[in-house]
Every structure is written in structure tokens, then in C-alpha cells.
Amino acid sequence: MKHSNISIFVPHVGCPHMCSFCDQRTISGAQHLPDGKEVREICEKALSEVSSPENTEIAFFGGSFTAISRDYMTELLEAAHEFVGEGRFKGIRCSTRPDCIDFEILQLLKEYGVTAIELGAQSLDDEVLKLNERGHTVQDVEDACELIRAFGFELGLQMMIGLFGSTPEKEWATIQRIIALRPDTVRIYPVVILKNTRLGELLLSGEYKPFSFDKAVETAASAMALFEESGIKVIKCGLHASEFVEHDMVGGFYHPAFRELCEALIYRHNMEFELKSEGAFPKTAVFSVNTTCISKAVGQKKSNIIYFKELGTDVKIIGDDSVPKYRCMLRR
């Protein structure tokens, strides 16, 4: 059964730092702060509409949840907790900063039915974290992960590709370190450079030169494949399409179908590997992929079919439920 979230957005009131990519100075005042009453209304409405509440979590996203005032955090948790349990939602999910996790906070979250905690790690390179004014270290991420695991929460990590000072090599090292931390889930966010941010200033001054869009897609695709292979579920890849992002971005790696571009590239690489193992590329080739992944293997606007056609091979893709996700089988 597919998992889903009832998302409740809590703006960046709790963030103690102004990270290079964040424009909270302009958006915090414009965004609405939910209170306990509103949380109850959202949950009540969702409970009557969701087909499988037992596979659904109430999710507090949008800021550093454990850094907001204790009274406000407790008010939101009390309201959400009323809708967790028998015949109701599975639990509560929240996102926060690695340096806003300690024993006392985790004890409180446990009492109120929180089941999953996502950490905005962004990078596991201390130089990149410092350059982007994150205000925490790699050690903070590792310590928080260990504590969260010890309390029995589901652990999620968020990674940001293409930050100021990063390189493809540093991204690769971050991917490997994330795998070593064994999170249950990962979100991959390619950097989007917004107006009124430090990154925006660095881009305009020429000091920040992001690597190419194709390199960002390639890096994210490699990360997705490796995470899935390691048993880590990739629950998001790319920013949610919005007028806000499209209006305020001045650079970076935004695409409304970013995940689809990455998945198509994974399949392209795997199909190419299979064909190369045959020696010369044949005139025609039939690949089996998981039935749910046919469109991913075909690629956006048939990009993979066109790619192999230009190499002289007519590729046909068929469904086979026995083939694992992201794998392909050349029919001989």
C-alpha cells in the first residue's frame, strides 16, 4: 500500500540561521502560521477523505520544526496527536536541522506520536556547509542520526546538489556518506538559486559558478540509483513545481519534471551497458523493465528511444513485473 502525507507547512520561524539558499526574509512574513485549531481542522478533513489512513502520516514541513518555540511546537503536536492511533493516521513526520536534535527533544517527540524525523543535512562536506552558512557540521549530522536511530524513529536525510563550493566529487562523497548513515528515506533537492539570497548575490558577482544542468541530473540520477540499491527509499527528487519558484529563481537546476529526467537517465545508462556487453550495437533491441517503469525507461518525450535510434538501434520496451525497479533485461 502506497504511503502518503497530510502536509502542514510551518514557515521558517524556527530557523536560527540564514542559509545561503534561503530567502526567509521575504517569505516568512507572507506565509501563514498554522495553530492547533487549524491542525485539527486539516486532520479532521483528511481523515474523512483519505482511503488508507493507516498508511498516512501527518507531516510538519517547511522549516526547522524542533527549533520553533517549545509552546508552539507542543500546541501543534498536541493537536496532531489526537488523530494518531487505532483507526486514525499512522503517525507524525517532521523535518528539522541536525543541530536542533537532542535527547530531551526526541523524548518529547516520542511522547506525541512522532514516527519519522527528516534532517536537512544538505551536504556532508564541512567546507560546503560553512560556505553556505548552514551553522552545523558533518559531525552534528552524524550525532543526530545516531540519536534518532537510538530512539527508534524512522530516519530521513535531505541532500542538496550544487551548493556554493561543491563539486561533482564532493557530491559523490556526500552520497557515499549518506549511504553509510543508513537512513530509511532520502530527499534530493537540486539547488535552485532565488532572488534575495546569498547564493543569488554570489551568482550575480560571478563568484559562484554552478556546474552544468546535465551534470546535476547525472549526479542526482547516480544518487537515486545508489540509494535504491542500498535499500534507501528516495521519496523526493527535485523541487515541487510552483509559481513562486519559477518567478523568483535566477539560476540553478530547476525543472518541473526533474525526477523523470533522472529516472530516464538511469535507464539509458543501464540499457547502454547491456548493449555494449553484446559488442556492436544491434539494429533492434527489446528490453524488459518493471511494468510500472515503462514510461521511465522510454524517457520524457521518448528521449531514450530517440537517443538509441540516433546510435542506430531501434529499441522496444516491454513490461515484466519480475524485473526490479531501475533494472532492465535485454531479451535475447
C-alpha atoms as a PDB file:
ATOM      1  CA  MET A   1       0.000   0.000   0.000  1.00  0.00           C
ATOM      2  CA  LYS A   2       1.378   3.397  -1.008  1.00  0.00           C
ATOM      3  CA  HIS A   3       2.403   5.769   1.783  1.00  0.00           C
ATOM      4  CA  SER A   4       1.098   9.348   1.825  1.00  0.00           C
ATOM      5  CA  ASN A   5       1.398  12.504   3.915  1.00  0.00           C
ATOM      6  CA  ILE A   6      -1.021  15.123   5.204  1.00  0.00           C
ATOM      7  CA  SER A   7       1.352  18.089   4.788  1.00  0.00           C
ATOM      8  CA  ILE A   8       1.110  21.025   7.187  1.00  0.00           C
ATOM      9  CA  PHE A   9       3.552  23.829   6.443  1.00  0.00           C
ATOM     10  CA  VAL A  10       5.226  25.659   9.311  1.00  0.00           C
ATOM     11  CA  PRO A  11       7.309  28.546   7.855  1.00  0.00           C
ATOM     12  CA  HIS A  12      10.893  29.254   8.847  1.00  0.00           C
ATOM     13  CA  VAL A  13      10.125  30.879  12.204  1.00  0.00           C
ATOM     14  CA  GLY A  14      12.328  28.351  13.933  1.00  0.00           C
ATOM     15  CA  CYS A  15      15.445  28.576  11.793  1.00  0.00           C
ATOM     16  CA  PRO A  16      18.366  30.022  13.776  1.00  0.00           C
ATOM     17  CA  HIS A  17      20.469  30.577  10.633  1.00  0.00           C
ATOM     18  CA  MET A  18      20.115  32.274   7.265  1.00  0.00           C
ATOM     19  CA  CYS A  19      21.453  29.657   4.841  1.00  0.00           C
ATOM     20  CA  SER A  20      22.844  30.826   1.511  1.00  0.00           C
ATOM     21  CA  PHE A  21      19.960  29.358  -0.492  1.00  0.00           C
ATOM     22  CA  CYS A  22      17.092  30.531   1.718  1.00  0.00           C
ATOM     23  CA  ASP A  23      15.048  33.717   1.280  1.00  0.00           C
ATOM     24  CA  GLN A  24      13.118  33.508   4.544  1.00  0.00           C
ATOM     25  CA  ARG A  25      13.412  37.293   4.985  1.00  0.00           C
ATOM     26  CA  THR A  26      10.836  37.755   2.246  1.00  0.00           C
ATOM     27  CA  ILE A  27       8.710  34.624   2.565  1.00  0.00           C
ATOM     28  CA  SER A  28       8.277  34.259   6.344  1.00  0.00           C
ATOM     29  CA  GLY A  29       6.151  37.364   6.653  1.00  0.00           C
ATOM     30  CA  ALA A  30       3.991  36.320   3.737  1.00  0.00           C
ATOM     31  CA  GLN A  31       3.369  32.764   4.851  1.00  0.00           C
ATOM     32  CA  HIS A  32       0.611  31.732   7.202  1.00  0.00           C
ATOM     33  CA  LEU A  33       1.419  30.162  10.585  1.00  0.00           C
ATOM     34  CA  PRO A  34      -0.992  27.320  11.426  1.00  0.00           C
ATOM     35  CA  ASP A  35      -2.243  26.943  15.009  1.00  0.00           C
ATOM     36  CA  GLY A  36      -3.581  23.919  16.878  1.00  0.00           C
ATOM     37  CA  LYS A  37      -7.169  24.623  15.799  1.00  0.00           C
ATOM     38  CA  GLU A  38      -6.186  24.675  12.134  1.00  0.00           C
ATOM     39  CA  VAL A  39      -4.163  21.461  12.502  1.00  0.00           C
ATOM     40  CA  ARG A  40      -7.265  19.746  13.943  1.00  0.00           C
ATOM     41  CA  GLU A  41      -9.398  21.023  11.061  1.00  0.00           C
ATOM     42  CA  ILE A  42      -6.885  19.797   8.442  1.00  0.00           C
ATOM     43  CA  CYS A  43      -6.608  16.369  10.098  1.00  0.00           C
ATOM     44  CA  GLU A  44     -10.370  16.006  10.568  1.00  0.00           C
ATOM     45  CA  LYS A  45     -10.991  16.798   6.904  1.00  0.00           C
ATOM     46  CA  ALA A  46      -8.193  14.472   5.735  1.00  0.00           C
ATOM     47  CA  LEU A  47      -9.426  11.614   7.920  1.00  0.00           C
ATOM     48  CA  SER A  48     -12.765  11.678   6.109  1.00  0.00           C
ATOM     49  CA  GLU A  49     -11.108  11.767   2.676  1.00  0.00           C
ATOM     50  CA  VAL A  50      -8.022   9.510   2.846  1.00  0.00           C
ATOM     51  CA  SER A  51      -8.681   5.934   1.752  1.00  0.00           C
ATOM     52  CA  SER A  52      -5.955   4.342   3.920  1.00  0.00           C
ATOM     53  CA  PRO A  53      -5.186   6.478   6.996  1.00  0.00           C
ATOM     54  CA  GLU A  54      -3.160   3.581   8.451  1.00  0.00           C
ATOM     55  CA  ASN A  55      -0.557   4.276   5.735  1.00  0.00           C
ATOM     56  CA  THR A  56      -0.680   8.056   6.123  1.00  0.00           C
ATOM     57  CA  GLU A  57       1.374  10.374   8.323  1.00  0.00           C
ATOM     58  CA  ILE A  58       0.686  13.938   9.445  1.00  0.00           C
ATOM     59  CA  ALA A  59       3.758  15.820   8.220  1.00  0.00           C
ATOM     60  CA  PHE A  60       5.086  19.145   9.545  1.00  0.00           C
ATOM     61  CA  PHE A  61       7.263  20.606   6.790  1.00  0.00           C
ATOM     62  CA  GLY A  62       8.560  23.998   5.726  1.00  0.00           C
ATOM     63  CA  GLY A  63      11.017  24.938   8.476  1.00  0.00           C
ATOM     64  CA  SER A  64      13.029  23.548  11.383  1.00  0.00           C
ATOM     65  CA  PHE A  65      10.226  22.059  13.445  1.00  0.00           C
ATOM     66  CA  THR A  66      12.222  21.377  16.615  1.00  0.00           C
ATOM     67  CA  ALA A  67      13.673  24.912  16.589  1.00  0.00           C
ATOM     68  CA  ILE A  68      10.339  26.716  16.886  1.00  0.00           C
ATOM     69  CA  SER A  69       9.269  27.854  20.371  1.00  0.00           C
ATOM     70  CA  ARG A  70       8.517  24.933  22.676  1.00  0.00           C
ATOM     71  CA  ASP A  71       4.974  26.148  23.420  1.00  0.00           C
ATOM     72  CA  TYR A  72       4.122  26.476  19.738  1.00  0.00           C
ATOM     73  CA  MET A  73       5.665  23.092  18.873  1.00  0.00           C
ATOM     74  CA  THR A  74       3.717  21.441  21.705  1.00  0.00           C
ATOM     75  CA  GLU A  75       0.469  23.106  20.582  1.00  0.00           C
ATOM     76  CA  LEU A  76       0.876  21.661  17.064  1.00  0.00           C
ATOM     77  CA  LEU A  77       1.906  18.218  18.334  1.00  0.00           C
ATOM     78  CA  GLU A  78      -0.995  18.013  20.800  1.00  0.00           C
ATOM     79  CA  ALA A  79      -3.449  18.749  18.009  1.00  0.00           C
ATOM     80  CA  ALA A  80      -1.902  16.234  15.597  1.00  0.00           C
ATOM     81  CA  HIS A  81      -1.550  13.510  18.239  1.00  0.00           C
ATOM     82  CA  GLU A  82      -5.344  13.387  18.662  1.00  0.00           C
ATOM     83  CA  PHE A  83      -5.512  11.911  15.149  1.00  0.00           C
ATOM     84  CA  VAL A  84      -2.865   9.194  15.589  1.00  0.00           C
ATOM     85  CA  GLY A  85      -3.666   5.617  16.583  1.00  0.00           C
ATOM     86  CA  GLU A  86      -6.317   2.960  16.081  1.00  0.00           C
ATOM     87  CA  GLY A  87      -8.462   3.782  13.059  1.00  0.00           C
ATOM     88  CA  ARG A  88      -6.593   7.033  12.525  1.00  0.00           C
ATOM     89  CA  PHE A  89      -3.285   8.094  10.995  1.00  0.00           C
ATOM     90  CA  LYS A  90      -0.087   6.050  11.222  1.00  0.00           C
ATOM     91  CA  GLY A  91       1.979   8.760  12.918  1.00  0.00           C
ATOM     92  CA  ILE A  92       3.623  12.165  12.634  1.00  0.00           C
ATOM     93  CA  ARG A  93       6.575  13.170  10.443  1.00  0.00           C
ATOM     94  CA  CYS A  94       8.631  16.350  10.844  1.00  0.00           C
ATOM     95  CA  SER A  95      11.696  17.952   9.275  1.00  0.00           C
ATOM     96  CA  THR A  96      14.384  19.842  11.171  1.00  0.00           C
ATOM     97  CA  ARG A  97      18.060  20.794  11.376  1.00  0.00           C
ATOM     98  CA  PRO A  98      20.717  18.341  12.607  1.00  0.00           C
ATOM     99  CA  ASP A  99      21.838  20.736  15.363  1.00  0.00           C
ATOM    100  CA  CYS A 100      18.270  21.060  16.704  1.00  0.00           C
ATOM    101  CA  ILE A 101      18.095  17.458  17.909  1.00  0.00           C
ATOM    102  CA  ASP A 102      18.878  16.329  21.445  1.00  0.00           C
ATOM    103  CA  PHE A 103      17.736  13.720  23.972  1.00  0.00           C
ATOM    104  CA  GLU A 104      15.028  15.911  25.538  1.00  0.00           C
ATOM    105  CA  ILE A 105      13.507  16.926  22.183  1.00  0.00           C
ATOM    106  CA  LEU A 106      13.418  13.337  20.940  1.00  0.00           C
ATOM    107  CA  GLN A 107      11.745  12.233  24.173  1.00  0.00           C
ATOM    108  CA  LEU A 108       9.065  14.898  23.663  1.00  0.00           C
ATOM    109  CA  LEU A 109       8.524  13.943  20.002  1.00  0.00           C
ATOM    110  CA  LYS A 110       8.154  10.297  21.016  1.00  0.00           C
ATOM    111  CA  GLU A 111       5.508  11.158  23.615  1.00  0.00           C
ATOM    112  CA  TYR A 112       3.402  12.913  20.986  1.00  0.00           C
ATOM    113  CA  GLY A 113       3.443  10.083  18.461  1.00  0.00           C
ATOM    114  CA  VAL A 114       6.134  11.319  16.055  1.00  0.00           C
ATOM    115  CA  THR A 115       7.273   8.356  13.943  1.00  0.00           C
ATOM    116  CA  ALA A 116       9.712   9.859  11.417  1.00  0.00           C
ATOM    117  CA  ILE A 117      12.280  12.674  11.511  1.00  0.00           C
ATOM    118  CA  GLU A 118      13.927  14.139   8.428  1.00  0.00           C
ATOM    119  CA  LEU A 119      17.182  16.053   8.768  1.00  0.00           C
ATOM    120  CA  GLY A 120      18.213  18.781   6.353  1.00  0.00           C
ATOM    121  CA  ALA A 121      21.796  17.629   6.025  1.00  0.00           C
ATOM    122  CA  GLN A 122      22.190  19.212   2.537  1.00  0.00           C
ATOM    123  CA  SER A 123      25.878  18.273   2.286  1.00  0.00           C
ATOM    124  CA  LEU A 124      28.262  16.040   4.211  1.00  0.00           C
ATOM    125  CA  ASP A 125      31.294  18.194   3.451  1.00  0.00           C
ATOM    126  CA  ASP A 126      32.276  20.641   6.190  1.00  0.00           C
ATOM    127  CA  GLU A 127      33.696  23.218   3.780  1.00  0.00           C
ATOM    128  CA  VAL A 128      30.472  23.284   1.731  1.00  0.00           C
ATOM    129  CA  LEU A 129      28.373  23.581   4.911  1.00  0.00           C
ATOM    130  CA  LYS A 130      30.494  26.520   6.098  1.00  0.00           C
ATOM    131  CA  LEU A 131      30.464  28.328   2.737  1.00  0.00           C
ATOM    132  CA  ASN A 132      26.656  28.066   2.633  1.00  0.00           C
ATOM    133  CA  GLU A 133      26.273  29.316   6.214  1.00  0.00           C
ATOM    134  CA  ARG A 134      24.467  26.219   7.430  1.00  0.00           C
ATOM    135  CA  GLY A 135      25.619  26.706  11.016  1.00  0.00           C
ATOM    136  CA  HIS A 136      26.209  22.990  11.651  1.00  0.00           C
ATOM    137  CA  THR A 137      28.898  20.421  10.870  1.00  0.00           C
ATOM    138  CA  VAL A 138      29.018  16.929   9.414  1.00  0.00           C
ATOM    139  CA  GLN A 139      29.550  15.672  12.968  1.00  0.00           C
ATOM    140  CA  ASP A 140      26.253  17.282  14.005  1.00  0.00           C
ATOM    141  CA  VAL A 141      24.504  15.292  11.260  1.00  0.00           C
ATOM    142  CA  GLU A 142      26.143  12.035  12.320  1.00  0.00           C
ATOM    143  CA  ASP A 143      25.373  12.615  16.020  1.00  0.00           C
ATOM    144  CA  ALA A 144      21.718  13.477  15.275  1.00  0.00           C
ATOM    145  CA  CYS A 145      21.328  10.376  13.094  1.00  0.00           C
ATOM    146  CA  GLU A 146      22.689   8.163  15.855  1.00  0.00           C
ATOM    147  CA  LEU A 147      20.310   9.650  18.458  1.00  0.00           C
ATOM    148  CA  ILE A 148      17.274   9.420  16.165  1.00  0.00           C
ATOM    149  CA  ARG A 149      18.072   5.779  15.427  1.00  0.00           C
ATOM    150  CA  ALA A 150      18.548   5.027  19.142  1.00  0.00           C
ATOM    151  CA  PHE A 151      15.027   6.348  19.844  1.00  0.00           C
ATOM    152  CA  GLY A 152      13.547   4.133  17.144  1.00  0.00           C
ATOM    153  CA  PHE A 153      12.355   6.859  14.770  1.00  0.00           C
ATOM    154  CA  GLU A 154      12.348   6.418  11.007  1.00  0.00           C
ATOM    155  CA  LEU A 155      15.286   8.488   9.764  1.00  0.00           C
ATOM    156  CA  GLY A 156      15.204  10.655   6.656  1.00  0.00           C
ATOM    157  CA  LEU A 157      18.018  12.770   5.194  1.00  0.00           C
ATOM    158  CA  GLN A 158      17.744  15.650   2.755  1.00  0.00           C
ATOM    159  CA  MET A 159      20.557  16.310   0.283  1.00  0.00           C
ATOM    160  CA  MET A 160      21.070  19.444  -1.809  1.00  0.00           C
ATOM    161  CA  ILE A 161      23.018  19.134  -5.055  1.00  0.00           C
ATOM    162  CA  GLY A 162      25.115  22.008  -6.418  1.00  0.00           C
ATOM    163  CA  LEU A 163      25.660  24.268  -3.418  1.00  0.00           C
ATOM    164  CA  PHE A 164      28.294  27.018  -3.459  1.00  0.00           C
ATOM    165  CA  GLY A 165      31.753  25.440  -3.176  1.00  0.00           C
ATOM    166  CA  SER A 166      30.584  21.971  -4.090  1.00  0.00           C
ATOM    167  CA  THR A 167      31.955  19.860  -6.933  1.00  0.00           C
ATOM    168  CA  PRO A 168      30.791  16.600  -8.525  1.00  0.00           C
ATOM    169  CA  GLU A 169      33.481  14.856  -6.439  1.00  0.00           C
ATOM    170  CA  LYS A 170      32.152  16.371  -3.203  1.00  0.00           C
ATOM    171  CA  GLU A 171      28.613  15.346  -4.194  1.00  0.00           C
ATOM    172  CA  TRP A 172      29.812  11.789  -4.757  1.00  0.00           C
ATOM    173  CA  ALA A 173      31.464  11.755  -1.307  1.00  0.00           C
ATOM    174  CA  THR A 174      28.227  13.045   0.278  1.00  0.00           C
ATOM    175  CA  ILE A 175      26.238  10.269  -1.442  1.00  0.00           C
ATOM    176  CA  GLN A 176      28.628   7.654  -0.044  1.00  0.00           C
ATOM    177  CA  ARG A 177      28.463   9.129   3.478  1.00  0.00           C
ATOM    178  CA  ILE A 178      24.667   9.225   3.383  1.00  0.00           C
ATOM    179  CA  ILE A 179      24.612   5.531   2.446  1.00  0.00           C
ATOM    180  CA  ALA A 180      26.937   4.816   5.393  1.00  0.00           C
ATOM    181  CA  LEU A 181      24.465   6.574   7.754  1.00  0.00           C
ATOM    182  CA  ARG A 182      21.706   4.137   6.641  1.00  0.00           C
ATOM    183  CA  PRO A 183      18.680   6.461   6.539  1.00  0.00           C
ATOM    184  CA  ASP A 184      15.310   4.937   5.693  1.00  0.00           C
ATOM    185  CA  THR A 185      14.469   7.708   3.237  1.00  0.00           C
ATOM    186  CA  VAL A 186      16.213  10.459   1.272  1.00  0.00           C
ATOM    187  CA  ARG A 187      15.038  13.617  -0.484  1.00  0.00           C
ATOM    188  CA  ILE A 188      17.290  15.003  -3.230  1.00  0.00           C
ATOM    189  CA  TYR A 189      16.989  18.716  -3.931  1.00  0.00           C
ATOM    190  CA  PRO A 190      18.962  20.214  -6.824  1.00  0.00           C
ATOM    191  CA  VAL A 191      19.863  23.783  -5.892  1.00  0.00           C
ATOM    192  CA  VAL A 192      17.520  26.494  -7.125  1.00  0.00           C
ATOM    193  CA  ILE A 193      19.033  29.971  -6.780  1.00  0.00           C
ATOM    194  CA  LEU A 194      16.441  32.528  -5.686  1.00  0.00           C
ATOM    195  CA  LYS A 195      16.395  36.317  -5.611  1.00  0.00           C
ATOM    196  CA  ASN A 196      17.274  37.970  -2.299  1.00  0.00           C
ATOM    197  CA  THR A 197      19.571  35.130  -1.209  1.00  0.00           C
ATOM    198  CA  ARG A 198      23.304  34.907  -0.612  1.00  0.00           C
ATOM    199  CA  LEU A 199      23.561  32.413  -3.473  1.00  0.00           C
ATOM    200  CA  GLY A 200      21.809  34.904  -5.734  1.00  0.00           C
ATOM    201  CA  GLU A 201      24.373  37.570  -4.824  1.00  0.00           C
ATOM    202  CA  LEU A 202      27.292  35.177  -5.360  1.00  0.00           C
ATOM    203  CA  LEU A 203      25.907  34.131  -8.737  1.00  0.00           C
ATOM    204  CA  LEU A 204      25.487  37.726  -9.923  1.00  0.00           C
ATOM    205  CA  SER A 205      29.007  38.640  -8.756  1.00  0.00           C
ATOM    206  CA  GLY A 206      30.442  35.696 -10.683  1.00  0.00           C
ATOM    207  CA  GLU A 207      31.965  34.131  -7.543  1.00  0.00           C
ATOM    208  CA  TYR A 208      29.523  31.203  -7.682  1.00  0.00           C
ATOM    209  CA  LYS A 209      29.676  29.203 -10.897  1.00  0.00           C
ATOM    210  CA  PRO A 210      27.337  26.202 -10.618  1.00  0.00           C
ATOM    211  CA  PHE A 211      28.180  23.113 -12.632  1.00  0.00           C
ATOM    212  CA  SER A 212      26.012  22.344 -15.667  1.00  0.00           C
ATOM    213  CA  PHE A 213      22.366  21.266 -15.579  1.00  0.00           C
ATOM    214  CA  ASP A 214      23.318  17.964 -17.252  1.00  0.00           C
ATOM    215  CA  LYS A 215      25.906  17.306 -14.526  1.00  0.00           C
ATOM    216  CA  ALA A 216      23.251  17.993 -11.855  1.00  0.00           C
ATOM    217  CA  VAL A 217      20.880  15.482 -13.497  1.00  0.00           C
ATOM    218  CA  GLU A 218      23.688  12.935 -13.820  1.00  0.00           C
ATOM    219  CA  THR A 219      24.654  13.379 -10.147  1.00  0.00           C
ATOM    220  CA  ALA A 220      21.059  13.089  -8.933  1.00  0.00           C
ATOM    221  CA  ALA A 221      20.461  10.038 -11.140  1.00  0.00           C
ATOM    222  CA  SER A 222      23.559   8.309  -9.740  1.00  0.00           C
ATOM    223  CA  ALA A 223      22.407   9.160  -6.214  1.00  0.00           C
ATOM    224  CA  MET A 224      18.908   7.767  -6.844  1.00  0.00           C
ATOM    225  CA  ALA A 225      20.244   4.507  -8.263  1.00  0.00           C
ATOM    226  CA  LEU A 226      22.758   4.013  -5.441  1.00  0.00           C
ATOM    227  CA  PHE A 227      20.282   4.878  -2.683  1.00  0.00           C
ATOM    228  CA  GLU A 228      17.632   2.498  -4.040  1.00  0.00           C
ATOM    229  CA  GLU A 229      20.271  -0.224  -4.473  1.00  0.00           C
ATOM    230  CA  SER A 230      21.245   0.283  -0.817  1.00  0.00           C
ATOM    231  CA  GLY A 231      17.635  -0.107   0.356  1.00  0.00           C
ATOM    232  CA  ILE A 232      17.118   3.636   0.926  1.00  0.00           C
ATOM    233  CA  LYS A 233      13.835   4.946  -0.458  1.00  0.00           C
ATOM    234  CA  VAL A 234      14.082   8.168  -2.492  1.00  0.00           C
ATOM    235  CA  ILE A 235      10.822   9.927  -1.602  1.00  0.00           C
ATOM    236  CA  LYS A 236      11.564  13.154  -3.491  1.00  0.00           C
ATOM    237  CA  CYS A 237      13.906  14.281  -6.251  1.00  0.00           C
ATOM    238  CA  GLY A 238      13.566  17.866  -7.442  1.00  0.00           C
ATOM    239  CA  LEU A 239      11.594  20.830  -6.171  1.00  0.00           C
ATOM    240  CA  HIS A 240       7.815  20.870  -6.363  1.00  0.00           C
ATOM    241  CA  ALA A 241       6.673  22.934  -9.349  1.00  0.00           C
ATOM    242  CA  SER A 242       5.366  26.304  -8.198  1.00  0.00           C
ATOM    243  CA  GLU A 243       4.794  29.819  -9.476  1.00  0.00           C
ATOM    244  CA  PHE A 244       6.909  31.087  -6.567  1.00  0.00           C
ATOM    245  CA  VAL A 245       9.993  29.137  -7.686  1.00  0.00           C
ATOM    246  CA  GLU A 246       9.570  29.905 -11.383  1.00  0.00           C
ATOM    247  CA  HIS A 247       9.060  33.613 -10.688  1.00  0.00           C
ATOM    248  CA  ASP A 248      11.897  34.143  -8.190  1.00  0.00           C
ATOM    249  CA  MET A 249      14.655  31.858  -9.472  1.00  0.00           C
ATOM    250  CA  VAL A 250      17.748  33.438 -11.034  1.00  0.00           C
ATOM    251  CA  GLY A 251      19.678  30.220 -11.645  1.00  0.00           C
ATOM    252  CA  GLY A 252      20.235  26.648 -10.552  1.00  0.00           C
ATOM    253  CA  PHE A 253      18.781  23.317 -11.560  1.00  0.00           C
ATOM    254  CA  TYR A 254      15.021  23.651 -11.597  1.00  0.00           C
ATOM    255  CA  HIS A 255      12.862  21.547 -13.934  1.00  0.00           C
ATOM    256  CA  PRO A 256       9.197  20.673 -13.275  1.00  0.00           C
ATOM    257  CA  ALA A 257       9.915  17.013 -14.160  1.00  0.00           C
ATOM    258  CA  PHE A 258      13.401  16.741 -12.659  1.00  0.00           C
ATOM    259  CA  ARG A 259      12.847  13.258 -11.192  1.00  0.00           C
ATOM    260  CA  GLU A 260      11.617  11.936 -14.553  1.00  0.00           C
ATOM    261  CA  LEU A 261      14.791  13.246 -16.234  1.00  0.00           C
ATOM    262  CA  CYS A 262      16.908  11.413 -13.651  1.00  0.00           C
ATOM    263  CA  GLU A 263      14.994   8.139 -13.932  1.00  0.00           C
ATOM    264  CA  ALA A 264      15.211   8.220 -17.724  1.00  0.00           C
ATOM    265  CA  LEU A 265      18.986   8.675 -17.456  1.00  0.00           C
ATOM    266  CA  ILE A 266      19.282   5.700 -15.072  1.00  0.00           C
ATOM    267  CA  TYR A 267      17.512   3.515 -17.627  1.00  0.00           C
ATOM    268  CA  ARG A 268      19.551   4.918 -20.508  1.00  0.00           C
ATOM    269  CA  HIS A 269      22.816   4.073 -18.762  1.00  0.00           C
ATOM    270  CA  ASN A 270      21.610   0.571 -17.877  1.00  0.00           C
ATOM    271  CA  MET A 271      20.347  -0.160 -21.397  1.00  0.00           C
ATOM    272  CA  GLU A 272      23.582   1.176 -22.896  1.00  0.00           C
ATOM    273  CA  PHE A 273      25.619  -1.073 -20.591  1.00  0.00           C
ATOM    274  CA  GLU A 274      23.603  -4.115 -21.693  1.00  0.00           C
ATOM    275  CA  LEU A 275      24.019  -3.269 -25.382  1.00  0.00           C
ATOM    276  CA  LYS A 276      27.777  -2.648 -25.039  1.00  0.00           C
ATOM    277  CA  SER A 277      28.196  -6.031 -23.382  1.00  0.00           C
ATOM    278  CA  GLU A 278      26.930  -7.541 -26.654  1.00  0.00           C
ATOM    279  CA  GLY A 279      29.760  -5.919 -28.603  1.00  0.00           C
ATOM    280  CA  ALA A 280      28.390  -3.987 -31.578  1.00  0.00           C
ATOM    281  CA  PHE A 281      25.028  -2.262 -31.160  1.00  0.00           C
ATOM    282  CA  PRO A 282      22.303  -4.329 -32.910  1.00  0.00           C
ATOM    283  CA  LYS A 283      19.772  -2.838 -35.344  1.00  0.00           C
ATOM    284  CA  THR A 284      16.927  -3.726 -32.959  1.00  0.00           C
ATOM    285  CA  ALA A 285      16.776  -4.450 -29.229  1.00  0.00           C
ATOM    286  CA  VAL A 286      13.968  -5.410 -26.862  1.00  0.00           C
ATOM    287  CA  PHE A 287      14.284  -4.597 -23.163  1.00  0.00           C
ATOM    288  CA  SER A 288      12.110  -5.835 -20.308  1.00  0.00           C
ATOM    289  CA  VAL A 289      11.592  -3.429 -17.413  1.00  0.00           C
ATOM    290  CA  ASN A 290       9.209  -3.466 -14.483  1.00  0.00           C
ATOM    291  CA  THR A 291       5.696  -2.793 -15.759  1.00  0.00           C
ATOM    292  CA  THR A 292       5.402   0.298 -13.536  1.00  0.00           C
ATOM    293  CA  CYS A 293       8.587   1.746 -15.071  1.00  0.00           C
ATOM    294  CA  ILE A 294       7.904   1.544 -18.827  1.00  0.00           C
ATOM    295  CA  SER A 295       7.410   5.311 -19.188  1.00  0.00           C
ATOM    296  CA  LYS A 296      10.585   5.969 -17.151  1.00  0.00           C
ATOM    297  CA  ALA A 297      12.588   3.694 -19.468  1.00  0.00           C
ATOM    298  CA  VAL A 298      11.088   5.275 -22.599  1.00  0.00           C
ATOM    299  CA  GLY A 299      12.077   8.687 -21.231  1.00  0.00           C
ATOM    300  CA  GLN A 300      10.382  12.059 -21.304  1.00  0.00           C
ATOM    301  CA  LYS A 301       9.119  12.745 -24.854  1.00  0.00           C
ATOM    302  CA  LYS A 302      10.615   9.342 -25.824  1.00  0.00           C
ATOM    303  CA  SER A 303      14.112  10.712 -25.177  1.00  0.00           C
ATOM    304  CA  ASN A 304      15.708   7.265 -24.699  1.00  0.00           C
ATOM    305  CA  ILE A 305      14.074   5.785 -27.798  1.00  0.00           C
ATOM    306  CA  ILE A 306      15.367   8.763 -29.810  1.00  0.00           C
ATOM    307  CA  TYR A 307      18.840   8.511 -28.208  1.00  0.00           C
ATOM    308  CA  PHE A 308      19.319   4.869 -29.256  1.00  0.00           C
ATOM    309  CA  LYS A 309      17.743   5.490 -32.656  1.00  0.00           C
ATOM    310  CA  GLU A 310      20.469   8.060 -33.322  1.00  0.00           C
ATOM    311  CA  LEU A 311      23.043   5.393 -32.421  1.00  0.00           C
ATOM    312  CA  GLY A 312      21.471   3.061 -34.976  1.00  0.00           C
ATOM    313  CA  THR A 313      19.377   0.851 -32.680  1.00  0.00           C
ATOM    314  CA  ASP A 314      15.581   0.657 -32.655  1.00  0.00           C
ATOM    315  CA  VAL A 315      14.675  -0.029 -29.021  1.00  0.00           C
ATOM    316  CA  LYS A 316      11.396  -1.546 -27.876  1.00  0.00           C
ATOM    317  CA  ILE A 317      10.488  -1.647 -24.183  1.00  0.00           C
ATOM    318  CA  ILE A 318       8.071  -4.178 -22.682  1.00  0.00           C
ATOM    319  CA  GLY A 319       6.790  -4.759 -19.151  1.00  0.00           C
ATOM    320  CA  ASP A 320       7.821  -7.614 -16.866  1.00  0.00           C
ATOM    321  CA  ASP A 321       6.887  -7.479 -13.165  1.00  0.00           C
ATOM    322  CA  SER A 322       9.774  -9.784 -12.242  1.00  0.00           C
ATOM    323  CA  VAL A 323      12.377  -7.167 -13.245  1.00  0.00           C
ATOM    324  CA  PRO A 324      13.395  -4.951 -10.263  1.00  0.00           C
ATOM    325  CA  LYS A 325      12.987  -1.163 -10.362  1.00  0.00           C
ATOM    326  CA  TYR A 326      15.685   0.604 -12.435  1.00  0.00           C
ATOM    327  CA  ARG A 327      16.939  -2.686 -13.856  1.00  0.00           C
ATOM    328  CA  CYS A 328      16.476  -3.736 -17.457  1.00  0.00           C
ATOM    329  CA  MET A 329      16.808  -7.093 -19.184  1.00  0.00           C
ATOM    330  CA  LEU A 330      17.911  -7.390 -22.806  1.00  0.00           C
ATOM    331  CA  ARG A 331      15.756 -10.055 -24.486  1.00  0.00           C
ATOM    332  CA  ARG A 332      17.926 -12.455 -26.431  1.00  0.00           C
END
